[in-house]
Each structure stands twice: as C-alpha cells, then as structure tokens.
PDB file of N, CA and C in Angstrom:
ATOM      1  N   MET A   1       0.840  -1.185   0.000  1.00  0.00           N
ATOM      2  CA  MET A   1       0.000   0.000   0.000  1.00  0.00           C
ATOM      3  C   MET A   1       0.879   1.240   0.000  1.00  0.00           C
ATOM      4  N   ASP A   2       0.536   2.208  -0.807  1.00  0.00           N
ATOM      5  CA  ASP A   2       1.297   3.450  -0.863  1.00  0.00           C
ATOM      6  C   ASP A   2       1.049   4.275   0.390  1.00  0.00           C
ATOM      7  N   ALA A   3       2.140   4.789   0.966  1.00  0.00           N
ATOM      8  CA  ALA A   3       2.024   5.585   2.194  1.00  0.00           C
ATOM      9  C   ALA A   3       1.190   6.838   1.973  1.00  0.00           C
ATOM     10  N   HIS A   4       1.254   7.432   0.777  1.00  0.00           N
ATOM     11  CA  HIS A   4       0.508   8.667   0.536  1.00  0.00           C
ATOM     12  C   HIS A   4      -1.000   8.425   0.439  1.00  0.00           C
ATOM     13  N   ARG A   5      -1.431   7.174   0.292  1.00  0.00           N
ATOM     14  CA  ARG A   5      -2.865   6.866   0.225  1.00  0.00           C
ATOM     15  C   ARG A   5      -3.433   6.468   1.589  1.00  0.00           C
ATOM     16  N   PHE A   6      -2.561   6.272   2.559  1.00  0.00           N
ATOM     17  CA  PHE A   6      -3.014   5.870   3.892  1.00  0.00           C
ATOM     18  C   PHE A   6      -3.712   7.026   4.594  1.00  0.00           C
ATOM     19  N   LYS A   7      -4.897   6.767   5.112  1.00  0.00           N
ATOM     20  CA  LYS A   7      -5.633   7.760   5.895  1.00  0.00           C
ATOM     21  C   LYS A   7      -5.948   7.138   7.246  1.00  0.00           C
ATOM     22  N   PRO A   8      -5.351   7.653   8.322  1.00  0.00           N
ATOM     23  CA  PRO A   8      -5.603   7.058   9.639  1.00  0.00           C
ATOM     24  C   PRO A   8      -7.059   7.235  10.051  1.00  0.00           C
ATOM     25  N   THR A   9      -7.543   6.268  10.786  1.00  0.00           N
ATOM     26  CA  THR A   9      -8.891   6.363  11.331  1.00  0.00           C
ATOM     27  C   THR A   9      -8.865   7.406  12.445  1.00  0.00           C
ATOM     28  N   PRO A  10      -9.743   8.385  12.373  1.00  0.00           N
ATOM     29  CA  PRO A  10      -9.727   9.406  13.432  1.00  0.00           C
ATOM     30  C   PRO A  10     -10.141   8.811  14.770  1.00  0.00           C
ATOM     31  N   THR A  11      -9.466   9.229  15.806  1.00  0.00           N
ATOM     32  CA  THR A  11      -9.823   8.803  17.149  1.00  0.00           C
ATOM     33  C   THR A  11     -10.997   9.650  17.600  1.00  0.00           C
ATOM     34  N   PRO A  12     -12.142   9.022  17.880  1.00  0.00           N
ATOM     35  CA  PRO A  12     -13.296   9.823  18.302  1.00  0.00           C
ATOM     36  C   PRO A  12     -12.977  10.553  19.600  1.00  0.00           C
ATOM     37  N   ARG A  13     -13.345  11.788  19.649  1.00  0.00           N
ATOM     38  CA  ARG A  13     -13.093  12.612  20.825  1.00  0.00           C
ATOM     39  C   ARG A  13     -14.405  13.227  21.268  1.00  0.00           C
ATOM     40  N   GLU A  14     -14.631  13.172  22.567  1.00  0.00           N
ATOM     41  CA  GLU A  14     -15.850  13.739  23.108  1.00  0.00           C
ATOM     42  C   GLU A  14     -15.952  15.207  22.725  1.00  0.00           C
ATOM     43  N   ARG A  15     -17.124  15.608  22.361  1.00  0.00           N
ATOM     44  CA  ARG A  15     -17.346  17.005  22.010  1.00  0.00           C
ATOM     45  C   ARG A  15     -17.224  17.868  23.251  1.00  0.00           C
ATOM     46  N   ARG A  16     -16.441  18.927  23.134  1.00  0.00           N
ATOM     47  CA  ARG A  16     -16.295  19.866  24.239  1.00  0.00           C
ATOM     48  C   ARG A  16     -17.368  20.922  24.116  1.00  0.00           C
ATOM     49  N   ARG A  17     -17.873  21.355  25.251  1.00  0.00           N
ATOM     50  CA  ARG A  17     -18.891  22.396  25.243  1.00  0.00           C
ATOM     51  C   ARG A  17     -18.242  23.720  25.572  1.00  0.00           C
ATOM     52  N   ALA A  18     -18.502  24.704  24.715  1.00  0.00           N
ATOM     53  CA  ALA A  18     -18.073  26.060  25.046  1.00  0.00           C
ATOM     54  C   ALA A  18     -18.916  26.481  26.242  1.00  0.00           C
ATOM     55  N   HIS A  19     -18.274  26.993  27.237  1.00  0.00           N
ATOM     56  CA  HIS A  19     -18.997  27.260  28.476  1.00  0.00           C
ATOM     57  C   HIS A  19     -18.302  28.404  29.205  1.00  0.00           C
ATOM     58  N   LEU A  20     -18.575  29.616  28.824  1.00  0.00           N
ATOM     59  CA  LEU A  20     -17.954  30.757  29.480  1.00  0.00           C
ATOM     60  C   LEU A  20     -18.730  31.041  30.761  1.00  0.00           C
ATOM     61  N   ALA A  21     -18.135  30.714  31.884  1.00  0.00           N
ATOM     62  CA  ALA A  21     -18.806  30.890  33.172  1.00  0.00           C
ATOM     63  C   ALA A  21     -17.769  31.112  34.263  1.00  0.00           C
ATOM     64  N   HIS A  22     -18.147  31.904  35.256  1.00  0.00           N
ATOM     65  CA  HIS A  22     -17.298  32.135  36.409  1.00  0.00           C
ATOM     66  C   HIS A  22     -17.349  30.896  37.284  1.00  0.00           C
ATOM     67  N   PHE A  23     -16.201  30.498  37.816  1.00  0.00           N
ATOM     68  CA  PHE A  23     -16.106  29.252  38.566  1.00  0.00           C
ATOM     69  C   PHE A  23     -14.954  29.393  39.548  1.00  0.00           C
ATOM     70  N   VAL A  24     -14.943  28.587  40.583  1.00  0.00           N
ATOM     71  CA  VAL A  24     -13.841  28.606  41.552  1.00  0.00           C
ATOM     72  C   VAL A  24     -13.270  27.200  41.682  1.00  0.00           C
ATOM     73  N   LEU A  25     -11.954  27.086  41.459  1.00  0.00           N
ATOM     74  CA  LEU A  25     -11.229  25.853  41.732  1.00  0.00           C
ATOM     75  C   LEU A  25     -10.566  25.998  43.095  1.00  0.00           C
ATOM     76  N   THR A  26     -10.166  24.891  43.671  1.00  0.00           N
ATOM     77  CA  THR A  26      -9.425  24.910  44.929  1.00  0.00           C
ATOM     78  C   THR A  26      -8.120  24.159  44.696  1.00  0.00           C
ATOM     79  N   ASP A  27      -7.002  24.735  45.161  1.00  0.00           N
ATOM     80  CA  ASP A  27      -5.733  24.016  45.010  1.00  0.00           C
ATOM     81  C   ASP A  27      -5.549  23.039  46.161  1.00  0.00           C
ATOM     82  N   ALA A  28      -4.476  22.278  46.147  1.00  0.00           N
ATOM     83  CA  ALA A  28      -4.236  21.245  47.155  1.00  0.00           C
ATOM     84  C   ALA A  28      -4.096  21.813  48.563  1.00  0.00           C
ATOM     85  N   ALA A  29      -3.719  23.092  48.678  1.00  0.00           N
ATOM     86  CA  ALA A  29      -3.578  23.734  49.988  1.00  0.00           C
ATOM     87  C   ALA A  29      -4.891  24.359  50.463  1.00  0.00           C
ATOM     88  N   GLY A  30      -5.954  24.253  49.647  1.00  0.00           N
ATOM     89  CA  GLY A  30      -7.257  24.790  50.042  1.00  0.00           C
ATOM     90  C   GLY A  30      -7.505  26.220  49.607  1.00  0.00           C
ATOM     91  N   ARG A  31      -6.581  26.814  48.846  1.00  0.00           N
ATOM     92  CA  ARG A  31      -6.773  28.188  48.362  1.00  0.00           C
ATOM     93  C   ARG A  31      -7.704  28.203  47.157  1.00  0.00           C
ATOM     94  N   SER A  32      -8.559  29.226  47.084  1.00  0.00           N
ATOM     95  CA  SER A  32      -9.477  29.388  45.967  1.00  0.00           C
ATOM     96  C   SER A  32      -8.770  30.022  44.777  1.00  0.00           C
ATOM     97  N   ILE A  33      -9.102  29.543  43.579  1.00  0.00           N
ATOM     98  CA  ILE A  33      -8.569  30.086  42.337  1.00  0.00           C
ATOM     99  C   ILE A  33      -9.772  30.458  41.478  1.00  0.00           C
ATOM    100  N   GLU A  34     -10.038  31.756  41.333  1.00  0.00           N
ATOM    101  CA  GLU A  34     -11.169  32.197  40.519  1.00  0.00           C
ATOM    102  C   GLU A  34     -10.812  32.086  39.051  1.00  0.00           C
ATOM    103  N   ILE A  35     -11.727  31.487  38.280  1.00  0.00           N
ATOM    104  CA  ILE A  35     -11.467  31.263  36.854  1.00  0.00           C
ATOM    105  C   ILE A  35     -12.714  31.563  36.028  1.00  0.00           C
ATOM    106  N   MET A  36     -12.499  31.709  34.737  1.00  0.00           N
ATOM    107  CA  MET A  36     -13.570  31.740  33.746  1.00  0.00           C
ATOM    108  C   MET A  36     -13.347  30.507  32.878  1.00  0.00           C
ATOM    109  N   ILE A  37     -14.318  29.603  32.866  1.00  0.00           N
ATOM    110  CA  ILE A  37     -14.206  28.385  32.066  1.00  0.00           C
ATOM    111  C   ILE A  37     -14.434  28.734  30.606  1.00  0.00           C
ATOM    112  N   ARG A  38     -13.534  28.271  29.742  1.00  0.00           N
ATOM    113  CA  ARG A  38     -13.643  28.491  28.301  1.00  0.00           C
ATOM    114  C   ARG A  38     -14.347  27.320  27.631  1.00  0.00           C
ATOM    115  N   ASP A  39     -13.961  26.107  27.980  1.00  0.00           N
ATOM    116  CA  ASP A  39     -14.689  24.908  27.536  1.00  0.00           C
ATOM    117  C   ASP A  39     -14.439  23.794  28.535  1.00  0.00           C
ATOM    118  N   ILE A  40     -15.354  22.814  28.520  1.00  0.00           N
ATOM    119  CA  ILE A  40     -15.300  21.748  29.519  1.00  0.00           C
ATOM    120  C   ILE A  40     -15.831  20.457  28.908  1.00  0.00           C
ATOM    121  N   SER A  41     -15.266  19.339  29.347  1.00  0.00           N
ATOM    122  CA  SER A  41     -15.747  18.011  28.969  1.00  0.00           C
ATOM    123  C   SER A  41     -15.585  17.122  30.194  1.00  0.00           C
ATOM    124  N   SER A  42     -15.925  15.858  30.058  1.00  0.00           N
ATOM    125  CA  SER A  42     -15.760  14.950  31.201  1.00  0.00           C
ATOM    126  C   SER A  42     -14.288  14.652  31.466  1.00  0.00           C
ATOM    127  N   HIS A  43     -13.402  15.004  30.517  1.00  0.00           N
ATOM    128  CA  HIS A  43     -11.969  14.738  30.674  1.00  0.00           C
ATOM    129  C   HIS A  43     -11.184  15.922  31.217  1.00  0.00           C
ATOM    130  N   GLY A  44     -11.757  17.124  31.158  1.00  0.00           N
ATOM    131  CA  GLY A  44     -11.017  18.277  31.641  1.00  0.00           C
ATOM    132  C   GLY A  44     -11.657  19.585  31.263  1.00  0.00           C
ATOM    133  N   LEU A  45     -10.911  20.655  31.478  1.00  0.00           N
ATOM    134  CA  LEU A  45     -11.418  21.983  31.160  1.00  0.00           C
ATOM    135  C   LEU A  45     -10.287  22.883  30.714  1.00  0.00           C
ATOM    136  N   SER A  46     -10.677  23.932  30.020  1.00  0.00           N
ATOM    137  CA  SER A  46      -9.770  24.991  29.609  1.00  0.00           C
ATOM    138  C   SER A  46     -10.320  26.255  30.245  1.00  0.00           C
ATOM    139  N   ALA A  47      -9.451  27.054  30.853  1.00  0.00           N
ATOM    140  CA  ALA A  47      -9.940  28.208  31.587  1.00  0.00           C
ATOM    141  C   ALA A  47      -8.939  29.362  31.557  1.00  0.00           C
ATOM    142  N   ALA A  48      -9.419  30.510  31.988  1.00  0.00           N
ATOM    143  CA  ALA A  48      -8.585  31.696  32.187  1.00  0.00           C
ATOM    144  C   ALA A  48      -8.703  32.087  33.653  1.00  0.00           C
ATOM    145  N   ALA A  49      -7.573  32.308  34.304  1.00  0.00           N
ATOM    146  CA  ALA A  49      -7.573  32.705  35.712  1.00  0.00           C
ATOM    147  C   ALA A  49      -7.945  34.176  35.824  1.00  0.00           C
ATOM    148  N   VAL A  50      -8.780  34.504  36.801  1.00  0.00           N
ATOM    149  CA  VAL A  50      -9.119  35.891  37.072  1.00  0.00           C
ATOM    150  C   VAL A  50      -7.934  36.581  37.748  1.00  0.00           C
ATOM    151  N   GLY A  51      -7.294  35.874  38.676  1.00  0.00           N
ATOM    152  CA  GLY A  51      -6.101  36.380  39.361  1.00  0.00           C
ATOM    153  C   GLY A  51      -4.892  35.556  38.949  1.00  0.00           C
ATOM    154  N   GLU A  52      -4.184  35.059  39.938  1.00  0.00           N
ATOM    155  CA  GLU A  52      -2.996  34.232  39.688  1.00  0.00           C
ATOM    156  C   GLU A  52      -3.421  32.835  39.229  1.00  0.00           C
ATOM    157  N   PRO A  53      -2.927  32.356  38.088  1.00  0.00           N
ATOM    158  CA  PRO A  53      -3.300  31.016  37.627  1.00  0.00           C
ATOM    159  C   PRO A  53      -2.574  29.934  38.420  1.00  0.00           C
ATOM    160  N   PRO A  54      -3.109  28.719  38.406  1.00  0.00           N
ATOM    161  CA  PRO A  54      -2.405  27.613  39.069  1.00  0.00           C
ATOM    162  C   PRO A  54      -1.138  27.262  38.295  1.00  0.00           C
ATOM    163  N   ALA A  55      -0.212  26.634  38.973  1.00  0.00           N
ATOM    164  CA  ALA A  55       1.069  26.250  38.355  1.00  0.00           C
ATOM    165  C   ALA A  55       0.926  24.969  37.548  1.00  0.00           C
ATOM    166  N   LEU A  56       1.813  24.798  36.590  1.00  0.00           N
ATOM    167  CA  LEU A  56       1.875  23.578  35.796  1.00  0.00           C
ATOM    168  C   LEU A  56       2.029  22.378  36.724  1.00  0.00           C
ATOM    169  N   ASN A  57       1.283  21.324  36.490  1.00  0.00           N
ATOM    170  CA  ASN A  57       1.279  20.073  37.270  1.00  0.00           C
ATOM    171  C   ASN A  57       0.691  20.221  38.672  1.00  0.00           C
ATOM    172  N   GLU A  58       0.072  21.351  38.980  1.00  0.00           N
ATOM    173  CA  GLU A  58      -0.574  21.530  40.281  1.00  0.00           C
ATOM    174  C   GLU A  58      -1.890  20.758  40.315  1.00  0.00           C
ATOM    175  N   ALA A  59      -2.185  20.135  41.445  1.00  0.00           N
ATOM    176  CA  ALA A  59      -3.463  19.449  41.636  1.00  0.00           C
ATOM    177  C   ALA A  59      -4.512  20.483  42.023  1.00  0.00           C
ATOM    178  N   VAL A  60      -5.675  20.394  41.381  1.00  0.00           N
ATOM    179  CA  VAL A  60      -6.787  21.298  41.688  1.00  0.00           C
ATOM    180  C   VAL A  60      -8.062  20.483  41.836  1.00  0.00           C
ATOM    181  N   ARG A  61      -9.032  21.070  42.530  1.00  0.00           N
ATOM    182  CA  ARG A  61     -10.313  20.408  42.783  1.00  0.00           C
ATOM    183  C   ARG A  61     -11.436  21.322  42.318  1.00  0.00           C
ATOM    184  N   ALA A  62     -12.458  20.727  41.721  1.00  0.00           N
ATOM    185  CA  ALA A  62     -13.637  21.481  41.304  1.00  0.00           C
ATOM    186  C   ALA A  62     -14.870  20.834  41.910  1.00  0.00           C
ATOM    187  N   ARG A  63     -15.772  21.654  42.423  1.00  0.00           N
ATOM    188  CA  ARG A  63     -17.058  21.145  42.907  1.00  0.00           C
ATOM    189  C   ARG A  63     -18.084  21.466  41.828  1.00  0.00           C
ATOM    190  N   LEU A  64     -18.677  20.421  41.279  1.00  0.00           N
ATOM    191  CA  LEU A  64     -19.623  20.580  40.187  1.00  0.00           C
ATOM    192  C   LEU A  64     -21.016  20.961  40.707  1.00  0.00           C
ATOM    193  N   ASP A  65     -21.862  21.428  39.799  1.00  0.00           N
ATOM    194  CA  ASP A  65     -23.210  21.852  40.177  1.00  0.00           C
ATOM    195  C   ASP A  65     -24.016  20.747  40.845  1.00  0.00           C
ATOM    196  N   ASP A  66     -23.736  19.489  40.474  1.00  0.00           N
ATOM    197  CA  ASP A  66     -24.487  18.369  41.055  1.00  0.00           C
ATOM    198  C   ASP A  66     -23.919  17.921  42.405  1.00  0.00           C
ATOM    199  N   GLY A  67     -22.907  18.651  42.929  1.00  0.00           N
ATOM    200  CA  GLY A  67     -22.342  18.347  44.237  1.00  0.00           C
ATOM    201  C   GLY A  67     -21.109  17.466  44.205  1.00  0.00           C
ATOM    202  N   ARG A  68     -20.823  16.833  43.058  1.00  0.00           N
ATOM    203  CA  ARG A  68     -19.629  15.995  42.960  1.00  0.00           C
ATOM    204  C   ARG A  68     -18.373  16.846  42.985  1.00  0.00           C
ATOM    205  N   GLU A  69     -17.303  16.253  43.500  1.00  0.00           N
ATOM    206  CA  GLU A  69     -15.982  16.884  43.453  1.00  0.00           C
ATOM    207  C   GLU A  69     -15.114  16.091  42.503  1.00  0.00           C
ATOM    208  N   VAL A  70     -14.378  16.792  41.652  1.00  0.00           N
ATOM    209  CA  VAL A  70     -13.424  16.133  40.767  1.00  0.00           C
ATOM    210  C   VAL A  70     -12.064  16.778  40.972  1.00  0.00           C
ATOM    211  N   TRP A  71     -11.044  15.941  40.939  1.00  0.00           N
ATOM    212  CA  TRP A  71      -9.663  16.398  41.036  1.00  0.00           C
ATOM    213  C   TRP A  71      -9.027  16.324  39.668  1.00  0.00           C
ATOM    214  N   GLY A  72      -8.070  17.188  39.439  1.00  0.00           N
ATOM    215  CA  GLY A  72      -7.355  17.156  38.181  1.00  0.00           C
ATOM    216  C   GLY A  72      -5.976  17.763  38.322  1.00  0.00           C
ATOM    217  N   LEU A  73      -5.197  17.658  37.247  1.00  0.00           N
ATOM    218  CA  LEU A  73      -3.859  18.241  37.195  1.00  0.00           C
ATOM    219  C   LEU A  73      -3.804  19.288  36.108  1.00  0.00           C
ATOM    220  N   VAL A  74      -3.109  20.386  36.386  1.00  0.00           N
ATOM    221  CA  VAL A  74      -2.892  21.422  35.379  1.00  0.00           C
ATOM    222  C   VAL A  74      -1.874  20.863  34.394  1.00  0.00           C
ATOM    223  N   ARG A  75      -2.290  20.698  33.140  1.00  0.00           N
ATOM    224  CA  ARG A  75      -1.447  20.053  32.125  1.00  0.00           C
ATOM    225  C   ARG A  75      -0.744  21.048  31.215  1.00  0.00           C
ATOM    226  N   TRP A  76      -1.274  22.277  31.089  1.00  0.00           N
ATOM    227  CA  TRP A  76      -0.603  23.299  30.277  1.00  0.00           C
ATOM    228  C   TRP A  76      -0.977  24.677  30.815  1.00  0.00           C
ATOM    229  N   THR A  77      -0.086  25.614  30.604  1.00  0.00           N
ATOM    230  CA  THR A  77      -0.330  27.009  30.983  1.00  0.00           C
ATOM    231  C   THR A  77       0.214  27.914  29.888  1.00  0.00           C
ATOM    232  N   GLU A  78      -0.442  29.052  29.730  1.00  0.00           N
ATOM    233  CA  GLU A  78       0.006  30.071  28.780  1.00  0.00           C
ATOM    234  C   GLU A  78      -0.505  31.409  29.300  1.00  0.00           C
ATOM    235  N   GLY A  79       0.335  32.097  30.072  1.00  0.00           N
ATOM    236  CA  GLY A  79      -0.119  33.328  30.726  1.00  0.00           C
ATOM    237  C   GLY A  79      -1.186  32.981  31.753  1.00  0.00           C
ATOM    238  N   LYS A  80      -2.359  33.604  31.630  1.00  0.00           N
ATOM    239  CA  LYS A  80      -3.463  33.312  32.552  1.00  0.00           C
ATOM    240  C   LYS A  80      -4.340  32.156  32.079  1.00  0.00           C
ATOM    241  N   LEU A  81      -4.064  31.634  30.868  1.00  0.00           N
ATOM    242  CA  LEU A  81      -4.819  30.498  30.349  1.00  0.00           C
ATOM    243  C   LEU A  81      -4.181  29.196  30.818  1.00  0.00           C
ATOM    244  N   PHE A  82      -5.009  28.183  31.047  1.00  0.00           N
ATOM    245  CA  PHE A  82      -4.491  26.885  31.466  1.00  0.00           C
ATOM    246  C   PHE A  82      -5.510  25.799  31.179  1.00  0.00           C
ATOM    247  N   GLY A  83      -5.045  24.556  31.201  1.00  0.00           N
ATOM    248  CA  GLY A  83      -5.910  23.405  30.993  1.00  0.00           C
ATOM    249  C   GLY A  83      -5.743  22.405  32.109  1.00  0.00           C
ATOM    250  N   VAL A  84      -6.854  21.810  32.520  1.00  0.00           N
ATOM    251  CA  VAL A  84      -6.854  20.818  33.588  1.00  0.00           C
ATOM    252  C   VAL A  84      -7.364  19.489  33.032  1.00  0.00           C
ATOM    253  N   GLU A  85      -6.634  18.425  33.299  1.00  0.00           N
ATOM    254  CA  GLU A  85      -7.085  17.078  32.964  1.00  0.00           C
ATOM    255  C   GLU A  85      -7.632  16.449  34.234  1.00  0.00           C
ATOM    256  N   PHE A  86      -8.916  16.053  34.205  1.00  0.00           N
ATOM    257  CA  PHE A  86      -9.530  15.430  35.375  1.00  0.00           C
ATOM    258  C   PHE A  86      -8.997  14.029  35.567  1.00  0.00           C
ATOM    259  N   GLU A  87      -8.991  13.570  36.828  1.00  0.00           N
ATOM    260  CA  GLU A  87      -8.560  12.208  37.101  1.00  0.00           C
ATOM    261  C   GLU A  87      -9.531  11.228  36.451  1.00  0.00           C
ATOM    262  N   ALA A  88      -9.038  10.071  36.072  1.00  0.00           N
ATOM    263  CA  ALA A  88      -9.874   9.059  35.436  1.00  0.00           C
ATOM    264  C   ALA A  88     -10.985   8.654  36.382  1.00  0.00           C
ATOM    265  N   GLY A  89     -12.187   8.549  35.855  1.00  0.00           N
ATOM    266  CA  GLY A  89     -13.334   8.177  36.678  1.00  0.00           C
ATOM    267  C   GLY A  89     -13.941   9.350  37.393  1.00  0.00           C
ATOM    268  N   GLY A  90     -13.372  10.574  37.198  1.00  0.00           N
ATOM    269  CA  GLY A  90     -13.874  11.757  37.862  1.00  0.00           C
ATOM    270  C   GLY A  90     -15.092  12.254  37.244  1.00  0.00           C
TER     271      GLY A  90
END
C-alpha cells in the first residue's frame, strides 16, 4: 500500500462544550482560584484565571453543580490560560 494513500482512522473525541462561566477551583492547599471556564468536557477543562493562575502540574479540585468533586492536574499554561485534565473516573 502506498504511504501517501493511507488515511488514519480518526480517534473519536468527546465534544467539548463552550462554556464561558465564572467558577472557583481549589488548590491542594485549600486556596481558591477564581477562573472563567472556556470549555469543559468529562476529561477536563480549559480556563482563564481571574487572578494568579495555578502552576503547571498543580493538583486542583472542582465542585460541580451536582455536588460531585473532581480532582485534576494542570497540564498546560500560557499566561493566565491553562488546561486541567480530570482524574480518570472523575
């Protein structure tokens, strides 16, 4: 088979919802981090910090509207923008 004719099967990815909303995360020390959520899925979120953003690889906690708590790790940062990957099963 010619390499130029190969088309990889796309890996299905959950649709992310654009969701601009004010939200508060908590870091591992219990400090509040005010954020604006840019998009969110069951695997994580992308947000902009209102004040100081969390550090790369920092553990953060979110309390969802339904009362559940999910933990995640900050996987990327760019200025006040950052992304959190939720723990598996969260």
